[in-house]
Amino acid sequence: MQRIRALRPVLLPGQFVSHLSAAVLWGLPVPQTVDAPVHVTSILPQAQPRRAGVVGHRVTAAHASIRSRHGVPASSPATLWIECGTVLDVDQLVVLGDAIVTERRCATTPDDLAAALAAVGARRGVRKLRAALELVRVGAGSPQETRARLAIVRAGLPEPELQVDVFDEAGRFVGRVDMAYPEQRIVVEYEGDHHRTDAEQWGRDLRRYRAMERLGWAVVRWTKSDLSTSTNGAIDHLRTLLACTTSRVRRASRTE
């Protein structure tokens, strides 16, 4: 961020921060390294910047969408998502897309991403972007939540709803959960390390889960290892739970 902002005084008219660097300015989840170059795009006929640690790009005015972020001209969220199609894989584009359409500061909808994609025509990365757009959803609370949802869907399980509010019998709010199957009354929560290390957060989580379980909800808690070394076990557990609860719901509906 410091290196990006340090370039502001030397950017010429028609030049702006783009690609992964624009995502960093917007506070969006993209892979970062300490020595990553800063991406700067120039609107034709402006020449590309020639500086150490800078990667230059050129576009026509029709393909540039610039907004100010922290006082630096940068690609708009929808445009930077398109730009990142050349440097990110499909899952990374879904993670980025989920954040863009969920974060209020981006003020961007899935339709905005679709319109930006339709406007670029045939170019490198378009196939990945099209595949990613099909999987982008509003409501993801973190990159790991997006990855958890992708693991569930790719295992052939029903796609869970995102950011579901749970209420008790009297209509009182109990809590909002990352993912859920309301009909089966199953909650899927991804717990980052801060849930464990923050004692206050840990206590709130446990009280919330107990309240949901008293209401008949099954609470499935995933951690980092469930998205790496233990994915098959986590998926199998969820699959079994879905099968059991779906059968119970069907039996209950037949008796009503």
C-alpha atoms as a PDB file:
ATOM      1  CA  MET A   1       0.000   0.000   0.000  1.00  0.00           C
ATOM      2  CA  GLN A   2       2.813   2.419   0.844  1.00  0.00           C
ATOM      3  CA  ARG A   3       4.560   1.819  -2.476  1.00  0.00           C
ATOM      4  CA  ILE A   4       1.310   2.248  -4.359  1.00  0.00           C
ATOM      5  CA  ARG A   5       0.512   5.546  -2.674  1.00  0.00           C
ATOM      6  CA  ALA A   6       4.110   6.735  -3.123  1.00  0.00           C
ATOM      7  CA  LEU A   7       3.573   6.594  -6.902  1.00  0.00           C
ATOM      8  CA  ARG A   8       0.722   9.093  -6.785  1.00  0.00           C
ATOM      9  CA  PRO A   9       2.886  12.212  -7.331  1.00  0.00           C
ATOM     10  CA  VAL A  10       4.508  10.771 -10.466  1.00  0.00           C
ATOM     11  CA  LEU A  11       1.377   9.456 -12.178  1.00  0.00           C
ATOM     12  CA  LEU A  12       0.748  11.385 -15.379  1.00  0.00           C
ATOM     13  CA  PRO A  13      -2.690  12.451 -16.622  1.00  0.00           C
ATOM     14  CA  GLY A  14      -4.360   9.333 -18.008  1.00  0.00           C
ATOM     15  CA  GLN A  15      -2.449   6.952 -15.738  1.00  0.00           C
ATOM     16  CA  PHE A  16      -4.008   5.012 -12.864  1.00  0.00           C
ATOM     17  CA  VAL A  17      -3.327   2.064 -10.551  1.00  0.00           C
ATOM     18  CA  SER A  18      -4.876  -1.154 -11.854  1.00  0.00           C
ATOM     19  CA  HIS A  19      -5.062  -4.951 -11.629  1.00  0.00           C
ATOM     20  CA  LEU A  20      -3.911  -6.487  -8.315  1.00  0.00           C
ATOM     21  CA  SER A  21      -2.613  -3.136  -7.096  1.00  0.00           C
ATOM     22  CA  ALA A  22      -6.052  -1.553  -7.475  1.00  0.00           C
ATOM     23  CA  ALA A  23      -7.507  -4.464  -5.501  1.00  0.00           C
ATOM     24  CA  VAL A  24      -5.025  -3.722  -2.697  1.00  0.00           C
ATOM     25  CA  LEU A  25      -6.133  -0.068  -2.699  1.00  0.00           C
ATOM     26  CA  TRP A  26      -9.752  -1.185  -2.385  1.00  0.00           C
ATOM     27  CA  GLY A  27      -8.866  -3.551   0.461  1.00  0.00           C
ATOM     28  CA  LEU A  28      -9.935  -6.627  -1.492  1.00  0.00           C
ATOM     29  CA  PRO A  29      -8.599 -10.180  -1.075  1.00  0.00           C
ATOM     30  CA  VAL A  30      -5.905 -10.963  -3.628  1.00  0.00           C
ATOM     31  CA  PRO A  31      -2.577 -12.806  -3.288  1.00  0.00           C
ATOM     32  CA  GLN A  32       0.101 -10.385  -2.101  1.00  0.00           C
ATOM     33  CA  THR A  33       3.864 -10.533  -1.708  1.00  0.00           C
ATOM     34  CA  VAL A  34       6.159  -7.957  -0.151  1.00  0.00           C
ATOM     35  CA  ASP A  35       8.032  -7.310  -3.401  1.00  0.00           C
ATOM     36  CA  ALA A  36       5.024  -7.485  -5.738  1.00  0.00           C
ATOM     37  CA  PRO A  37       5.199  -4.916  -8.566  1.00  0.00           C
ATOM     38  CA  VAL A  38       2.713  -2.078  -8.771  1.00  0.00           C
ATOM     39  CA  HIS A  39       0.404  -2.239 -11.794  1.00  0.00           C
ATOM     40  CA  VAL A  40      -0.170   1.065 -13.573  1.00  0.00           C
ATOM     41  CA  THR A  41      -2.339   1.451 -16.667  1.00  0.00           C
ATOM     42  CA  SER A  42      -2.084   4.299 -19.183  1.00  0.00           C
ATOM     43  CA  ILE A  43      -4.938   5.436 -21.397  1.00  0.00           C
ATOM     44  CA  LEU A  44      -3.859   5.618 -25.021  1.00  0.00           C
ATOM     45  CA  PRO A  45      -2.010   7.552 -26.374  1.00  0.00           C
ATOM     46  CA  GLN A  46      -0.240   8.021 -23.032  1.00  0.00           C
ATOM     47  CA  ALA A  47       2.962   5.956 -22.849  1.00  0.00           C
ATOM     48  CA  GLN A  48       3.457   3.148 -20.346  1.00  0.00           C
ATOM     49  CA  PRO A  49       5.419   4.038 -17.219  1.00  0.00           C
ATOM     50  CA  ARG A  50       9.063   2.938 -17.227  1.00  0.00           C
ATOM     51  CA  ARG A  51      10.025   2.494 -13.592  1.00  0.00           C
ATOM     52  CA  ALA A  52      11.580  -0.240 -11.513  1.00  0.00           C
ATOM     53  CA  GLY A  53       8.929  -2.185  -9.610  1.00  0.00           C
ATOM     54  CA  VAL A  54       6.132  -1.057 -11.924  1.00  0.00           C
ATOM     55  CA  VAL A  55       4.283  -3.158 -14.497  1.00  0.00           C
ATOM     56  CA  GLY A  56       2.742  -1.011 -17.228  1.00  0.00           C
ATOM     57  CA  HIS A  57      -0.436  -1.606 -19.218  1.00  0.00           C
ATOM     58  CA  ARG A  58      -2.280   0.398 -21.877  1.00  0.00           C
ATOM     59  CA  VAL A  59      -5.992   0.622 -22.669  1.00  0.00           C
ATOM     60  CA  THR A  60      -8.323   2.726 -24.741  1.00  0.00           C
ATOM     61  CA  ALA A  61     -10.474   5.303 -22.981  1.00  0.00           C
ATOM     62  CA  ALA A  62     -13.530   3.115 -23.649  1.00  0.00           C
ATOM     63  CA  HIS A  63     -12.083   0.334 -21.468  1.00  0.00           C
ATOM     64  CA  ALA A  64     -11.014   2.557 -18.583  1.00  0.00           C
ATOM     65  CA  SER A  65     -13.219   3.066 -15.528  1.00  0.00           C
ATOM     66  CA  ILE A  66     -11.387   5.116 -12.900  1.00  0.00           C
ATOM     67  CA  ARG A  67     -12.352   6.000  -9.342  1.00  0.00           C
ATOM     68  CA  SER A  68     -10.335   7.681  -6.616  1.00  0.00           C
ATOM     69  CA  ARG A  69      -9.323   5.497  -3.700  1.00  0.00           C
ATOM     70  CA  HIS A  70      -7.276   6.934  -0.832  1.00  0.00           C
ATOM     71  CA  GLY A  71      -6.505   9.869  -3.110  1.00  0.00           C
ATOM     72  CA  VAL A  72      -5.079   7.629  -5.850  1.00  0.00           C
ATOM     73  CA  PRO A  73      -6.736   7.160  -9.269  1.00  0.00           C
ATOM     74  CA  ALA A  74      -7.517   3.459  -9.556  1.00  0.00           C
ATOM     75  CA  SER A  75      -9.583   1.023 -11.558  1.00  0.00           C
ATOM     76  CA  SER A  76     -13.167   0.678 -10.383  1.00  0.00           C
ATOM     77  CA  PRO A  77     -13.971  -2.602  -8.603  1.00  0.00           C
ATOM     78  CA  ALA A  78     -15.730  -4.109 -11.623  1.00  0.00           C
ATOM     79  CA  THR A  79     -12.867  -3.121 -13.928  1.00  0.00           C
ATOM     80  CA  LEU A  80     -10.114  -4.417 -11.659  1.00  0.00           C
ATOM     81  CA  TRP A  81     -11.967  -7.745 -11.476  1.00  0.00           C
ATOM     82  CA  ILE A  82     -11.798  -7.942 -15.274  1.00  0.00           C
ATOM     83  CA  GLU A  83      -8.121  -6.939 -15.248  1.00  0.00           C
ATOM     84  CA  CYS A  84      -7.307  -9.662 -12.711  1.00  0.00           C
ATOM     85  CA  GLY A  85      -8.654 -12.275 -15.114  1.00  0.00           C
ATOM     86  CA  THR A  86      -5.170 -12.328 -16.654  1.00  0.00           C
ATOM     87  CA  VAL A  87      -3.333 -13.027 -13.377  1.00  0.00           C
ATOM     88  CA  LEU A  88      -5.682 -14.994 -11.066  1.00  0.00           C
ATOM     89  CA  ASP A  89      -7.188 -18.476 -11.311  1.00  0.00           C
ATOM     90  CA  VAL A  90     -10.929 -19.172 -11.228  1.00  0.00           C
ATOM     91  CA  ASP A  91     -11.199 -19.705  -7.469  1.00  0.00           C
ATOM     92  CA  GLN A  92      -9.228 -16.542  -6.741  1.00  0.00           C
ATOM     93  CA  LEU A  93     -11.526 -14.627  -9.098  1.00  0.00           C
ATOM     94  CA  VAL A  94     -14.578 -15.990  -7.257  1.00  0.00           C
ATOM     95  CA  VAL A  95     -13.078 -14.918  -3.917  1.00  0.00           C
ATOM     96  CA  LEU A  96     -12.375 -11.459  -5.324  1.00  0.00           C
ATOM     97  CA  GLY A  97     -15.780 -11.227  -7.008  1.00  0.00           C
ATOM     98  CA  ASP A  98     -17.614 -12.247  -3.821  1.00  0.00           C
ATOM     99  CA  ALA A  99     -15.838  -9.481  -1.899  1.00  0.00           C
ATOM    100  CA  ILE A 100     -16.550  -6.884  -4.582  1.00  0.00           C
ATOM    101  CA  VAL A 101     -20.306  -7.554  -4.698  1.00  0.00           C
ATOM    102  CA  THR A 102     -20.572  -7.867  -0.893  1.00  0.00           C
ATOM    103  CA  GLU A 103     -18.491  -4.947   0.407  1.00  0.00           C
ATOM    104  CA  ARG A 104     -20.551  -1.746   0.516  1.00  0.00           C
ATOM    105  CA  ARG A 105     -17.563   0.458  -0.281  1.00  0.00           C
ATOM    106  CA  CYS A 106     -17.350  -1.132  -3.732  1.00  0.00           C
ATOM    107  CA  ALA A 107     -20.983  -0.309  -4.609  1.00  0.00           C
ATOM    108  CA  THR A 108     -20.900  -3.052  -7.246  1.00  0.00           C
ATOM    109  CA  THR A 109     -23.460  -5.735  -8.112  1.00  0.00           C
ATOM    110  CA  PRO A 110     -23.130  -9.061  -9.943  1.00  0.00           C
ATOM    111  CA  ASP A 111     -24.886  -7.363 -12.857  1.00  0.00           C
ATOM    112  CA  ASP A 112     -22.125  -4.739 -12.881  1.00  0.00           C
ATOM    113  CA  LEU A 113     -19.519  -7.506 -13.151  1.00  0.00           C
ATOM    114  CA  ALA A 114     -21.504  -9.134 -15.955  1.00  0.00           C
ATOM    115  CA  ALA A 115     -21.772  -5.820 -17.827  1.00  0.00           C
ATOM    116  CA  ALA A 116     -18.041  -5.171 -17.462  1.00  0.00           C
ATOM    117  CA  LEU A 117     -17.290  -8.655 -18.729  1.00  0.00           C
ATOM    118  CA  ALA A 118     -19.637  -8.294 -21.702  1.00  0.00           C
ATOM    119  CA  ALA A 119     -17.933  -5.025 -22.656  1.00  0.00           C
ATOM    120  CA  VAL A 120     -14.426  -6.455 -23.007  1.00  0.00           C
ATOM    121  CA  GLY A 121     -15.191  -8.949 -25.762  1.00  0.00           C
ATOM    122  CA  ALA A 122     -12.576 -11.559 -26.565  1.00  0.00           C
ATOM    123  CA  ARG A 123      -9.399 -11.173 -24.544  1.00  0.00           C
ATOM    124  CA  ARG A 124      -7.057 -13.214 -22.404  1.00  0.00           C
ATOM    125  CA  GLY A 125      -8.700 -14.386 -19.191  1.00  0.00           C
ATOM    126  CA  VAL A 126     -12.301 -14.068 -20.389  1.00  0.00           C
ATOM    127  CA  ARG A 127     -12.982 -17.807 -20.146  1.00  0.00           C
ATOM    128  CA  LYS A 128     -11.868 -17.849 -16.499  1.00  0.00           C
ATOM    129  CA  LEU A 129     -13.927 -14.750 -15.754  1.00  0.00           C
ATOM    130  CA  ARG A 130     -17.055 -16.304 -17.244  1.00  0.00           C
ATOM    131  CA  ALA A 131     -16.580 -19.441 -15.163  1.00  0.00           C
ATOM    132  CA  ALA A 132     -15.975 -17.357 -12.031  1.00  0.00           C
ATOM    133  CA  LEU A 133     -18.986 -15.100 -12.609  1.00  0.00           C
ATOM    134  CA  GLU A 134     -21.295 -18.122 -12.470  1.00  0.00           C
ATOM    135  CA  LEU A 135     -20.045 -18.769  -8.931  1.00  0.00           C
ATOM    136  CA  VAL A 136     -19.946 -15.219  -7.530  1.00  0.00           C
ATOM    137  CA  ARG A 137     -22.477 -14.611  -4.742  1.00  0.00           C
ATOM    138  CA  VAL A 138     -23.452 -11.679  -2.535  1.00  0.00           C
ATOM    139  CA  GLY A 139     -22.931 -12.275   1.186  1.00  0.00           C
ATOM    140  CA  ALA A 140     -19.572 -13.991   1.600  1.00  0.00           C
ATOM    141  CA  GLY A 141     -17.994 -12.785   4.833  1.00  0.00           C
ATOM    142  CA  SER A 142     -14.422 -13.838   4.065  1.00  0.00           C
ATOM    143  CA  PRO A 143     -12.292 -15.574   1.423  1.00  0.00           C
ATOM    144  CA  GLN A 144     -12.408 -18.791   3.458  1.00  0.00           C
ATOM    145  CA  GLU A 145     -16.195 -18.725   3.514  1.00  0.00           C
ATOM    146  CA  THR A 146     -16.132 -18.487  -0.281  1.00  0.00           C
ATOM    147  CA  ARG A 147     -13.717 -21.421  -0.476  1.00  0.00           C
ATOM    148  CA  ALA A 148     -15.927 -23.443   1.861  1.00  0.00           C
ATOM    149  CA  ARG A 149     -18.954 -22.785  -0.350  1.00  0.00           C
ATOM    150  CA  LEU A 150     -17.021 -23.778  -3.467  1.00  0.00           C
ATOM    151  CA  ALA A 151     -15.917 -27.032  -1.808  1.00  0.00           C
ATOM    152  CA  ILE A 152     -19.531 -27.824  -0.898  1.00  0.00           C
ATOM    153  CA  VAL A 153     -20.890 -27.105  -4.369  1.00  0.00           C
ATOM    154  CA  ARG A 154     -18.120 -28.968  -6.190  1.00  0.00           C
ATOM    155  CA  ALA A 155     -18.774 -32.008  -4.026  1.00  0.00           C
ATOM    156  CA  GLY A 156     -22.247 -32.135  -5.546  1.00  0.00           C
ATOM    157  CA  LEU A 157     -24.086 -30.926  -2.447  1.00  0.00           C
ATOM    158  CA  PRO A 158     -26.834 -28.296  -2.544  1.00  0.00           C
ATOM    159  CA  GLU A 159     -25.573 -24.742  -2.385  1.00  0.00           C
ATOM    160  CA  PRO A 160     -26.162 -23.214   1.048  1.00  0.00           C
ATOM    161  CA  GLU A 161     -27.753 -19.819   1.573  1.00  0.00           C
ATOM    162  CA  LEU A 162     -25.426 -17.058   2.781  1.00  0.00           C
ATOM    163  CA  GLN A 163     -25.779 -14.752   5.789  1.00  0.00           C
ATOM    164  CA  VAL A 164     -28.914 -16.373   7.182  1.00  0.00           C
ATOM    165  CA  ASP A 165     -30.692 -14.879  10.201  1.00  0.00           C
ATOM    166  CA  VAL A 166     -31.899 -17.376  12.819  1.00  0.00           C
ATOM    167  CA  PHE A 167     -34.846 -16.524  15.091  1.00  0.00           C
ATOM    168  CA  ASP A 168     -36.376 -18.311  18.058  1.00  0.00           C
ATOM    169  CA  GLU A 169     -40.019 -19.407  18.422  1.00  0.00           C
ATOM    170  CA  ALA A 170     -41.022 -15.942  19.604  1.00  0.00           C
ATOM    171  CA  GLY A 171     -39.391 -14.264  16.612  1.00  0.00           C
ATOM    172  CA  ARG A 172     -36.411 -12.977  18.594  1.00  0.00           C
ATOM    173  CA  PHE A 173     -33.131 -12.697  16.712  1.00  0.00           C
ATOM    174  CA  VAL A 174     -30.623 -15.379  17.747  1.00  0.00           C
ATOM    175  CA  GLY A 175     -27.799 -14.767  15.298  1.00  0.00           C
ATOM    176  CA  ARG A 176     -26.631 -14.435  11.723  1.00  0.00           C
ATOM    177  CA  VAL A 177     -24.666 -17.375  10.323  1.00  0.00           C
ATOM    178  CA  ASP A 178     -22.201 -17.688   7.456  1.00  0.00           C
ATOM    179  CA  MET A 179     -24.070 -20.401   5.563  1.00  0.00           C
ATOM    180  CA  ALA A 180     -27.201 -22.417   6.224  1.00  0.00           C
ATOM    181  CA  TYR A 181     -29.776 -24.841   4.890  1.00  0.00           C
ATOM    182  CA  PRO A 182     -32.902 -23.351   6.510  1.00  0.00           C
ATOM    183  CA  GLU A 183     -35.262 -26.153   5.481  1.00  0.00           C
ATOM    184  CA  GLN A 184     -32.973 -28.802   6.987  1.00  0.00           C
ATOM    185  CA  ARG A 185     -32.044 -26.471   9.879  1.00  0.00           C
ATOM    186  CA  ILE A 186     -28.314 -26.898   9.331  1.00  0.00           C
ATOM    187  CA  VAL A 187     -25.790 -24.139   9.980  1.00  0.00           C
ATOM    188  CA  VAL A 188     -22.298 -24.175   8.451  1.00  0.00           C
ATOM    189  CA  GLU A 189     -19.855 -21.765  10.092  1.00  0.00           C
ATOM    190  CA  TYR A 190     -16.247 -21.147   9.065  1.00  0.00           C
ATOM    191  CA  GLU A 191     -14.174 -20.235  12.101  1.00  0.00           C
ATOM    192  CA  GLY A 192     -10.941 -18.366  11.526  1.00  0.00           C
ATOM    193  CA  ASP A 193      -8.209 -18.453  14.127  1.00  0.00           C
ATOM    194  CA  HIS A 194      -9.511 -15.272  15.777  1.00  0.00           C
ATOM    195  CA  HIS A 195     -12.578 -17.225  16.914  1.00  0.00           C
ATOM    196  CA  ARG A 196     -10.229 -19.362  19.016  1.00  0.00           C
ATOM    197  CA  THR A 197      -7.747 -16.753  20.211  1.00  0.00           C
ATOM    198  CA  ASP A 198     -10.284 -14.049  21.131  1.00  0.00           C
ATOM    199  CA  ALA A 199     -11.854 -15.241  24.384  1.00  0.00           C
ATOM    200  CA  GLU A 200     -14.811 -12.857  24.107  1.00  0.00           C
ATOM    201  CA  GLN A 201     -15.520 -13.943  20.527  1.00  0.00           C
ATOM    202  CA  TRP A 202     -15.178 -17.598  21.502  1.00  0.00           C
ATOM    203  CA  GLY A 203     -17.712 -17.144  24.316  1.00  0.00           C
ATOM    204  CA  ARG A 204     -20.201 -15.363  22.049  1.00  0.00           C
ATOM    205  CA  ASP A 205     -19.884 -18.130  19.468  1.00  0.00           C
ATOM    206  CA  LEU A 206     -20.533 -20.892  22.003  1.00  0.00           C
ATOM    207  CA  ARG A 207     -23.601 -19.143  23.442  1.00  0.00           C
ATOM    208  CA  ARG A 208     -24.983 -18.533  19.966  1.00  0.00           C
ATOM    209  CA  TYR A 209     -24.437 -22.146  18.916  1.00  0.00           C
ATOM    210  CA  ARG A 210     -26.081 -23.462  22.081  1.00  0.00           C
ATOM    211  CA  ALA A 211     -29.116 -21.266  21.432  1.00  0.00           C
ATOM    212  CA  MET A 212     -29.388 -22.572  17.876  1.00  0.00           C
ATOM    213  CA  GLU A 213     -29.030 -26.188  18.943  1.00  0.00           C
ATOM    214  CA  ARG A 214     -31.828 -25.719  21.496  1.00  0.00           C
ATOM    215  CA  LEU A 215     -33.992 -24.603  18.576  1.00  0.00           C
ATOM    216  CA  GLY A 216     -33.202 -27.800  16.676  1.00  0.00           C
ATOM    217  CA  TRP A 217     -30.480 -26.478  14.379  1.00  0.00           C
ATOM    218  CA  ALA A 218     -27.410 -28.637  13.722  1.00  0.00           C
ATOM    219  CA  VAL A 219     -24.251 -26.511  13.814  1.00  0.00           C
ATOM    220  CA  VAL A 220     -21.348 -27.581  11.583  1.00  0.00           C
ATOM    221  CA  ARG A 221     -18.102 -25.760  12.367  1.00  0.00           C
ATOM    222  CA  TRP A 222     -15.306 -25.719   9.794  1.00  0.00           C
ATOM    223  CA  THR A 223     -11.731 -24.545  10.294  1.00  0.00           C
ATOM    224  CA  LYS A 224      -8.729 -24.014   8.048  1.00  0.00           C
ATOM    225  CA  SER A 225      -7.815 -27.718   7.977  1.00  0.00           C
ATOM    226  CA  ASP A 226     -11.293 -28.580   6.665  1.00  0.00           C
ATOM    227  CA  LEU A 227     -10.381 -26.684   3.504  1.00  0.00           C
ATOM    228  CA  SER A 228      -6.976 -28.326   3.129  1.00  0.00           C
ATOM    229  CA  THR A 229      -6.043 -31.646   4.740  1.00  0.00           C
ATOM    230  CA  SER A 230      -9.485 -32.741   5.989  1.00  0.00           C
ATOM    231  CA  THR A 231     -11.811 -31.603   3.209  1.00  0.00           C
ATOM    232  CA  ASN A 232     -13.129 -35.063   2.339  1.00  0.00           C
ATOM    233  CA  GLY A 233     -14.052 -35.794   5.928  1.00  0.00           C
ATOM    234  CA  ALA A 234     -15.789 -32.431   6.358  1.00  0.00           C
ATOM    235  CA  ILE A 235     -17.761 -32.907   3.138  1.00  0.00           C
ATOM    236  CA  ASP A 236     -18.753 -36.483   4.036  1.00  0.00           C
ATOM    237  CA  HIS A 237     -19.992 -35.319   7.434  1.00  0.00           C
ATOM    238  CA  LEU A 238     -22.094 -32.576   5.849  1.00  0.00           C
ATOM    239  CA  ARG A 239     -23.431 -34.954   3.202  1.00  0.00           C
ATOM    240  CA  THR A 240     -24.552 -37.443   5.854  1.00  0.00           C
ATOM    241  CA  LEU A 241     -26.157 -34.717   7.944  1.00  0.00           C
ATOM    242  CA  LEU A 242     -28.021 -33.337   4.926  1.00  0.00           C
ATOM    243  CA  ALA A 243     -29.299 -36.780   3.999  1.00  0.00           C
ATOM    244  CA  CYS A 244     -30.550 -37.462   7.534  1.00  0.00           C
ATOM    245  CA  THR A 245     -32.242 -34.121   8.013  1.00  0.00           C
ATOM    246  CA  THR A 246     -33.792 -34.129   4.527  1.00  0.00           C
ATOM    247  CA  SER A 247     -35.347 -37.535   5.242  1.00  0.00           C
ATOM    248  CA  ARG A 248     -36.670 -36.256   8.576  1.00  0.00           C
ATOM    249  CA  VAL A 249     -38.182 -33.173   6.941  1.00  0.00           C
ATOM    250  CA  ARG A 250     -39.906 -35.323   4.317  1.00  0.00           C
ATOM    251  CA  ARG A 251     -41.340 -37.682   6.928  1.00  0.00           C
ATOM    252  CA  ALA A 252     -42.615 -34.754   8.937  1.00  0.00           C
ATOM    253  CA  SER A 253     -44.286 -33.182   5.897  1.00  0.00           C
ATOM    254  CA  ARG A 254     -46.069 -36.469   5.071  1.00  0.00           C
ATOM    255  CA  THR A 255     -47.567 -36.684   8.562  1.00  0.00           C
ATOM    256  CA  GLU A 256     -48.921 -33.126   8.515  1.00  0.00           C
END
